[in-house]
Amino acid sequence: MKNCQTARLASFLSAALLMFSLTVHSMPASAAESAQNSEEKAMNRMQRAEKNRQKFLGDAQSSLARTDPELIAMKERLLYGEIVGRGTLNDRQRMLVTLVALAASQTLEDMKAHTEAALRVGLSPVEIKEALYQCAPYIGFPKTESAVRLVNEVFAGKGIALPGRSQGTVTEESRFRDGLAAQKAIFGDAIDKMHASTPEGQKDIMVHYLSAFCFGDMYTRGGLDLKTRELLTFCIISALGGCEAQVRAHAQGNANVGNSSVPMKAAVSDAAGGISRRFALVRGCLRVLKRAAQEPPARKKMWTPGCAGSAC
């Protein structure tokens, strides 16, 4: 009996020692493998960042690259190593989104570099200008003009003739009618109900200015199609912050013109680089998109582009 117990104890101790030995020997290998994987991922992110930075910015370097290299490295690895390449936007769409986000947030220090990048990936001067003109109804003319002046400096340095060919399509007589048609193309017949319910004292703003200026003077212009303008409007309003109702309405407007939530989410992600990495705004916009997608169709029809309670 005693010999049997001794044998069982010896067997147990042998197995325990074997397990301990395997554990001890496997721990350094596992840690080394984990460290190697992390290093490879980090290197891949660094390599992607450098490759994408070269593609968009060429050899241009931030003025802080020498004095604050760690800050710039964090920014570029996030922006060019992670954000760029996500989603479904192509490079040209990505740069349009970035330009309007920079203008809306007035992060103008990067406007020239990203104008160069926009030209580098194949955007035309007309497309760049039209994207910035689209900002005017939402951020105002002074901020739009500040961005346009910097773009003009880049164009002048490259010998691009200014002014470019006019993209306007409306006359003084047709701007309200054509604007209303563009408005309805996005938001449907709910616009008529909005006009009818607008108090007399607000009709100049809610009816005339909105339909004639925002949609007539801007949305009908050439250079960008309706889907692109509505996507950019969504990004502009998102970058402003504090405009949840407007973001919500234009999320639905994008869906109405054929922009699914996929490019809108990608646009918000890319816009993160143009709104000073203000991720609270990005998260807020993503929440709006999620709620809009979950609303029943009857509720969605109630959101129309009026500045009081929905969108401009």
Protein backbone atom coordinates (compact mmCIF):
# COMPACT_ATOMS: atom_id res chain seq x y z
CA MET A 1 0.00 0.00 0.00
CA LYS A 2 2.78 2.34 1.01
CA ASN A 3 4.73 1.52 -2.16
CA CYS A 4 1.63 2.22 -4.24
CA GLN A 5 1.14 5.63 -2.61
CA THR A 6 4.83 6.41 -3.08
CA ALA A 7 4.59 5.50 -6.76
CA ARG A 8 1.51 7.67 -7.25
CA LEU A 9 3.23 10.59 -5.48
CA ALA A 10 6.34 10.17 -7.62
CA SER A 11 4.17 10.10 -10.75
CA PHE A 12 2.35 13.25 -9.67
CA LEU A 13 5.60 15.09 -8.88
CA SER A 14 7.07 14.06 -12.23
CA ALA A 15 4.03 15.35 -14.08
CA ALA A 16 4.08 18.59 -12.08
CA LEU A 17 7.79 19.10 -12.76
CA LEU A 18 7.18 18.43 -16.46
CA MET A 19 4.35 20.97 -16.59
CA PHE A 20 6.45 23.51 -14.71
CA SER A 21 9.36 22.92 -17.04
CA LEU A 22 7.15 23.38 -20.11
CA THR A 23 5.64 26.53 -18.64
CA VAL A 24 9.00 28.05 -17.76
CA HIS A 25 10.40 27.32 -21.19
CA SER A 26 7.36 28.51 -23.05
CA MET A 27 6.96 31.85 -21.24
CA PRO A 28 10.00 33.61 -22.74
CA ALA A 29 9.11 32.31 -26.21
CA SER A 30 5.53 33.55 -25.86
CA ALA A 31 6.65 36.94 -24.59
CA ALA A 32 9.22 37.22 -27.35
CA GLU A 33 6.62 36.26 -29.96
CA SER A 34 4.19 38.82 -28.57
CA ALA A 35 6.85 41.50 -28.60
CA GLN A 36 7.76 40.58 -32.18
CA ASN A 37 4.15 40.79 -33.29
CA SER A 38 3.75 44.17 -31.61
CA GLU A 39 6.96 45.37 -33.24
CA GLU A 40 5.77 44.18 -36.66
CA LYS A 41 2.43 45.93 -36.21
CA ALA A 42 4.18 49.11 -35.11
CA MET A 43 6.57 48.89 -38.05
CA ASN A 44 3.69 48.32 -40.44
CA ARG A 45 1.93 51.40 -39.05
CA MET A 46 5.12 53.44 -39.34
CA GLN A 47 5.72 52.23 -42.88
CA ARG A 48 2.13 52.94 -43.89
CA ALA A 49 2.38 56.39 -42.34
CA GLU A 50 5.53 57.23 -44.26
CA LYS A 51 4.18 55.81 -47.52
CA ASN A 52 0.88 57.68 -47.26
CA ARG A 53 2.51 60.88 -46.08
CA GLN A 54 4.75 60.80 -49.13
CA LYS A 55 1.77 60.13 -51.38
CA PHE A 56 -0.22 63.07 -50.07
CA LEU A 57 2.41 65.57 -48.89
CA GLY A 58 5.56 64.62 -50.78
CA ASP A 59 8.69 65.85 -49.03
CA ALA A 60 6.90 68.63 -47.15
CA GLN A 61 7.63 68.56 -43.42
CA SER A 62 5.88 70.19 -40.51
CA SER A 63 7.73 73.14 -38.98
CA LEU A 64 7.49 71.23 -35.69
CA ALA A 65 9.25 68.14 -37.04
CA ARG A 66 12.60 69.31 -35.67
CA THR A 67 11.46 70.88 -32.41
CA ASP A 68 8.66 68.44 -31.50
CA PRO A 69 9.35 65.24 -33.40
CA GLU A 70 7.39 63.00 -31.02
CA LEU A 71 4.21 65.04 -31.38
CA ILE A 72 4.47 65.03 -35.17
CA ALA A 73 5.24 61.31 -35.20
CA MET A 74 2.12 60.57 -33.14
CA LYS A 75 0.01 62.72 -35.45
CA GLU A 76 1.36 61.29 -38.69
CA ARG A 77 1.20 57.67 -37.52
CA LEU A 78 -2.40 58.17 -36.48
CA LEU A 79 -3.49 60.13 -39.53
CA TYR A 80 -1.45 58.45 -42.27
CA GLY A 81 -0.77 55.10 -40.64
CA GLU A 82 -4.29 54.36 -39.37
CA ILE A 83 -7.04 56.74 -40.51
CA VAL A 84 -5.97 57.06 -44.13
CA GLY A 85 -6.88 53.86 -45.91
CA ARG A 86 -9.88 53.08 -43.74
CA GLY A 87 -13.36 53.08 -45.20
CA THR A 88 -14.50 53.37 -48.78
CA LEU A 89 -13.47 56.89 -49.79
CA ASN A 90 -10.96 57.27 -52.59
CA ASP A 91 -8.03 59.68 -52.29
CA ARG A 92 -9.83 62.50 -54.08
CA GLN A 93 -12.92 62.24 -51.86
CA ARG A 94 -10.69 62.00 -48.82
CA MET A 95 -8.94 65.25 -49.67
CA LEU A 96 -12.20 67.10 -50.35
CA VAL A 97 -13.45 66.02 -46.91
CA THR A 98 -10.18 67.13 -45.31
CA LEU A 99 -10.25 70.55 -46.98
CA VAL A 100 -13.80 71.38 -45.87
CA ALA A 101 -13.11 70.09 -42.36
CA LEU A 102 -10.04 72.33 -42.14
CA ALA A 103 -12.07 75.31 -43.34
CA ALA A 104 -14.99 74.62 -41.00
CA SER A 105 -12.75 74.24 -37.96
CA GLN A 106 -10.49 77.10 -39.17
CA THR A 107 -7.42 74.89 -38.83
CA LEU A 108 -5.87 76.89 -41.62
CA GLU A 109 -2.21 76.20 -40.85
CA ASP A 110 -2.57 72.98 -42.82
CA MET A 111 -4.67 74.39 -45.68
CA LYS A 112 -1.80 75.02 -48.08
CA ALA A 113 -0.20 71.61 -47.54
CA HIS A 114 -3.50 69.85 -48.07
CA THR A 115 -4.28 71.93 -51.15
CA GLU A 116 -0.98 70.68 -52.56
CA ALA A 117 -2.01 67.17 -51.59
CA ALA A 118 -5.41 67.58 -53.24
CA LEU A 119 -3.76 68.56 -56.51
CA ARG A 120 -1.27 65.72 -56.15
CA VAL A 121 -4.00 63.06 -55.95
CA GLY A 122 -5.77 64.42 -59.03
CA LEU A 123 -8.36 66.94 -57.86
CA SER A 124 -8.86 69.84 -60.23
CA PRO A 125 -8.66 73.48 -59.13
CA VAL A 126 -12.40 73.74 -59.84
CA GLU A 127 -13.23 70.83 -57.54
CA ILE A 128 -11.09 72.27 -54.75
CA LYS A 129 -12.67 75.70 -55.04
CA GLU A 130 -16.20 74.33 -55.24
CA ALA A 131 -15.67 72.27 -52.09
CA LEU A 132 -14.66 75.43 -50.24
CA TYR A 133 -17.49 77.49 -51.73
CA GLN A 134 -19.86 74.83 -50.37
CA CYS A 135 -18.73 75.84 -46.87
CA ALA A 136 -20.03 79.42 -47.14
CA PRO A 137 -23.68 78.89 -46.10
CA TYR A 138 -22.60 76.97 -43.01
CA ILE A 139 -19.43 78.66 -41.72
CA GLY A 140 -20.01 82.12 -43.21
CA PHE A 141 -18.21 84.10 -45.88
CA PRO A 142 -15.32 85.49 -43.76
CA LYS A 143 -14.11 82.01 -42.74
CA THR A 144 -14.63 80.66 -46.24
CA GLU A 145 -12.68 83.57 -47.72
CA SER A 146 -9.80 82.98 -45.27
CA ALA A 147 -9.47 79.42 -46.56
CA VAL A 148 -9.87 80.45 -50.21
CA ARG A 149 -7.07 83.03 -49.93
CA LEU A 150 -4.62 80.33 -48.85
CA VAL A 151 -5.74 78.06 -51.68
CA ASN A 152 -5.27 80.93 -54.12
CA GLU A 153 -1.68 81.36 -52.94
CA VAL A 154 -0.98 77.72 -53.78
CA PHE A 155 -2.66 78.07 -57.16
CA ALA A 156 -0.70 81.23 -57.94
CA GLY A 157 2.56 79.50 -57.07
CA LYS A 158 1.72 76.73 -59.54
CA GLY A 159 0.69 79.10 -62.31
CA ILE A 160 -2.99 78.14 -62.15
CA ALA A 161 -5.01 80.93 -63.73
CA LEU A 162 -7.45 82.82 -61.53
CA PRO A 163 -10.33 83.29 -61.63
CA GLY A 164 -11.28 79.90 -63.00
CA ARG A 165 -14.19 79.24 -65.32
CA SER A 166 -17.53 80.14 -63.76
CA GLN A 167 -19.51 77.20 -62.39
CA GLY A 168 -22.70 79.13 -61.72
CA THR A 169 -25.84 77.84 -63.44
CA VAL A 170 -28.63 80.07 -62.09
CA THR A 171 -29.82 83.58 -62.89
CA GLU A 172 -31.38 86.14 -60.56
CA GLU A 173 -34.75 85.02 -61.87
CA SER A 174 -34.13 81.28 -61.55
CA ARG A 175 -32.08 80.93 -58.37
CA PHE A 176 -35.06 80.37 -56.05
CA ARG A 177 -36.81 77.98 -58.43
CA ASP A 178 -33.67 75.99 -59.20
CA GLY A 179 -32.63 76.00 -55.56
CA LEU A 180 -36.01 74.69 -54.50
CA ALA A 181 -35.69 71.90 -57.07
CA ALA A 182 -32.26 70.94 -55.66
CA GLN A 183 -33.65 71.11 -52.14
CA LYS A 184 -36.53 68.78 -53.02
CA ALA A 185 -34.15 66.43 -54.81
CA ILE A 186 -32.52 65.88 -51.44
CA PHE A 187 -35.38 66.22 -48.95
CA GLY A 188 -38.51 65.62 -51.01
CA ASP A 189 -41.94 67.23 -50.73
CA ALA A 190 -41.48 67.87 -47.01
CA ILE A 191 -39.93 71.18 -48.11
CA ASP A 192 -43.37 72.43 -49.22
CA LYS A 193 -44.78 71.64 -45.78
CA MET A 194 -41.87 73.41 -44.13
CA HIS A 195 -42.43 76.51 -46.26
CA ALA A 196 -46.15 76.49 -45.54
CA SER A 197 -45.64 76.20 -41.79
CA THR A 198 -42.94 78.87 -41.52
CA PRO A 199 -44.15 81.99 -39.64
CA GLU A 200 -44.40 85.16 -41.74
CA GLY A 201 -41.58 86.85 -39.88
CA GLN A 202 -39.18 84.01 -40.71
CA LYS A 203 -40.02 83.38 -44.37
CA ASP A 204 -37.16 85.52 -45.68
CA ILE A 205 -34.69 83.30 -43.86
CA MET A 206 -36.38 79.91 -43.93
CA VAL A 207 -37.79 80.12 -47.44
CA HIS A 208 -35.98 82.66 -49.59
CA TYR A 209 -32.44 82.68 -48.19
CA LEU A 210 -32.34 78.94 -47.64
CA SER A 211 -33.76 77.88 -51.01
CA ALA A 212 -32.32 80.67 -53.15
CA PHE A 213 -28.89 81.10 -51.56
CA CYS A 214 -27.92 77.83 -49.90
CA PHE A 215 -29.41 75.56 -52.55
CA GLY A 216 -29.86 77.86 -55.54
CA ASP A 217 -26.53 79.69 -55.49
CA MET A 218 -24.48 76.79 -54.12
CA TYR A 219 -25.95 73.34 -54.71
CA THR A 220 -26.69 74.02 -58.38
CA ARG A 221 -23.13 74.95 -59.25
CA GLY A 222 -20.98 72.80 -61.51
CA GLY A 223 -17.71 71.14 -60.58
CA LEU A 224 -19.21 68.75 -58.00
CA ASP A 225 -22.27 66.56 -58.26
CA LEU A 226 -25.19 66.62 -55.84
CA LYS A 227 -24.07 63.52 -53.92
CA THR A 228 -20.63 64.98 -53.31
CA ARG A 229 -22.00 68.34 -52.19
CA GLU A 230 -24.38 66.70 -49.74
CA LEU A 231 -21.60 64.51 -48.34
CA LEU A 232 -19.38 67.58 -47.91
CA THR A 233 -22.21 69.49 -46.24
CA PHE A 234 -22.57 66.65 -43.75
CA CYS A 235 -18.82 66.89 -43.01
CA ILE A 236 -18.87 70.68 -42.72
CA ILE A 237 -21.71 70.70 -40.21
CA SER A 238 -20.14 67.80 -38.33
CA ALA A 239 -16.87 69.73 -37.99
CA LEU A 240 -18.65 72.76 -36.54
CA GLY A 241 -19.94 70.92 -33.49
CA GLY A 242 -23.14 71.68 -31.63
CA CYS A 243 -25.30 71.09 -34.70
CA GLU A 244 -26.71 67.65 -33.96
CA ALA A 245 -30.12 68.38 -35.47
CA GLN A 246 -28.50 69.60 -38.69
CA VAL A 247 -26.14 66.62 -38.78
CA ARG A 248 -29.14 64.36 -38.34
CA ALA A 249 -31.08 65.97 -41.17
CA HIS A 250 -28.16 65.83 -43.57
CA ALA A 251 -27.47 62.22 -42.62
CA GLN A 252 -30.94 61.53 -43.96
CA GLY A 253 -30.32 63.85 -46.92
CA ASN A 254 -27.25 61.81 -47.82
CA ALA A 255 -29.26 58.62 -47.65
CA ASN A 256 -31.89 60.20 -49.91
CA VAL A 257 -29.35 61.02 -52.63
CA GLY A 258 -27.72 57.59 -52.47
CA ASN A 259 -24.88 58.05 -49.99
CA SER A 260 -25.12 55.13 -47.59
CA SER A 261 -23.92 55.26 -44.00
CA VAL A 262 -20.69 53.56 -45.11
CA PRO A 263 -19.17 56.57 -46.95
CA MET A 264 -20.59 58.92 -44.30
CA LYS A 265 -18.82 57.02 -41.52
CA ALA A 266 -15.66 56.97 -43.62
CA ALA A 267 -15.98 60.70 -44.21
CA VAL A 268 -16.38 61.40 -40.49
CA SER A 269 -13.34 59.24 -39.79
CA ASP A 270 -11.27 61.10 -42.38
CA ALA A 271 -12.58 64.44 -41.19
CA ALA A 272 -11.07 63.64 -37.80
CA GLY A 273 -7.75 64.72 -39.29
CA GLY A 274 -9.20 68.07 -40.30
CA ILE A 275 -10.97 68.94 -37.05
CA SER A 276 -7.94 68.94 -34.82
CA ARG A 277 -8.53 65.29 -33.88
CA ARG A 278 -11.59 66.38 -31.90
CA PHE A 279 -12.83 62.85 -31.40
CA ALA A 280 -15.72 63.95 -29.21
CA LEU A 281 -17.26 65.51 -32.32
CA VAL A 282 -16.56 62.41 -34.37
CA ARG A 283 -18.15 60.15 -31.77
CA GLY A 284 -21.17 62.45 -31.62
CA CYS A 285 -21.63 62.29 -35.38
CA LEU A 286 -21.33 58.51 -35.39
CA ARG A 287 -24.03 58.34 -32.71
CA VAL A 288 -26.29 60.52 -34.85
CA LEU A 289 -25.74 58.22 -37.84
CA LYS A 290 -26.57 55.18 -35.72
CA ARG A 291 -29.77 56.73 -34.37
CA ALA A 292 -30.82 57.94 -37.82
CA ALA A 293 -30.39 54.44 -39.22
CA GLN A 294 -32.56 53.00 -36.44
CA GLU A 295 -35.46 55.44 -36.86
CA PRO A 296 -38.63 54.24 -38.58
CA PRO A 297 -39.28 55.65 -42.09
CA ALA A 298 -42.18 57.79 -40.87
CA ARG A 299 -39.90 59.57 -38.42
CA LYS A 300 -37.15 60.10 -41.00
CA LYS A 301 -39.56 61.95 -43.29
CA MET A 302 -40.02 64.59 -40.60
CA TRP A 303 -36.43 65.80 -40.86
CA THR A 304 -36.25 68.63 -43.37
CA PRO A 305 -33.57 71.24 -44.05
CA GLY A 306 -34.77 74.18 -42.02
CA CYS A 307 -32.32 75.86 -39.68
CA ALA A 308 -34.80 75.76 -36.79
CA GLY A 309 -34.81 72.17 -35.62
CA SER A 310 -33.20 70.29 -38.46
CA ALA A 311 -30.68 71.42 -41.03
CA CYS A 312 -29.48 74.23 -43.22
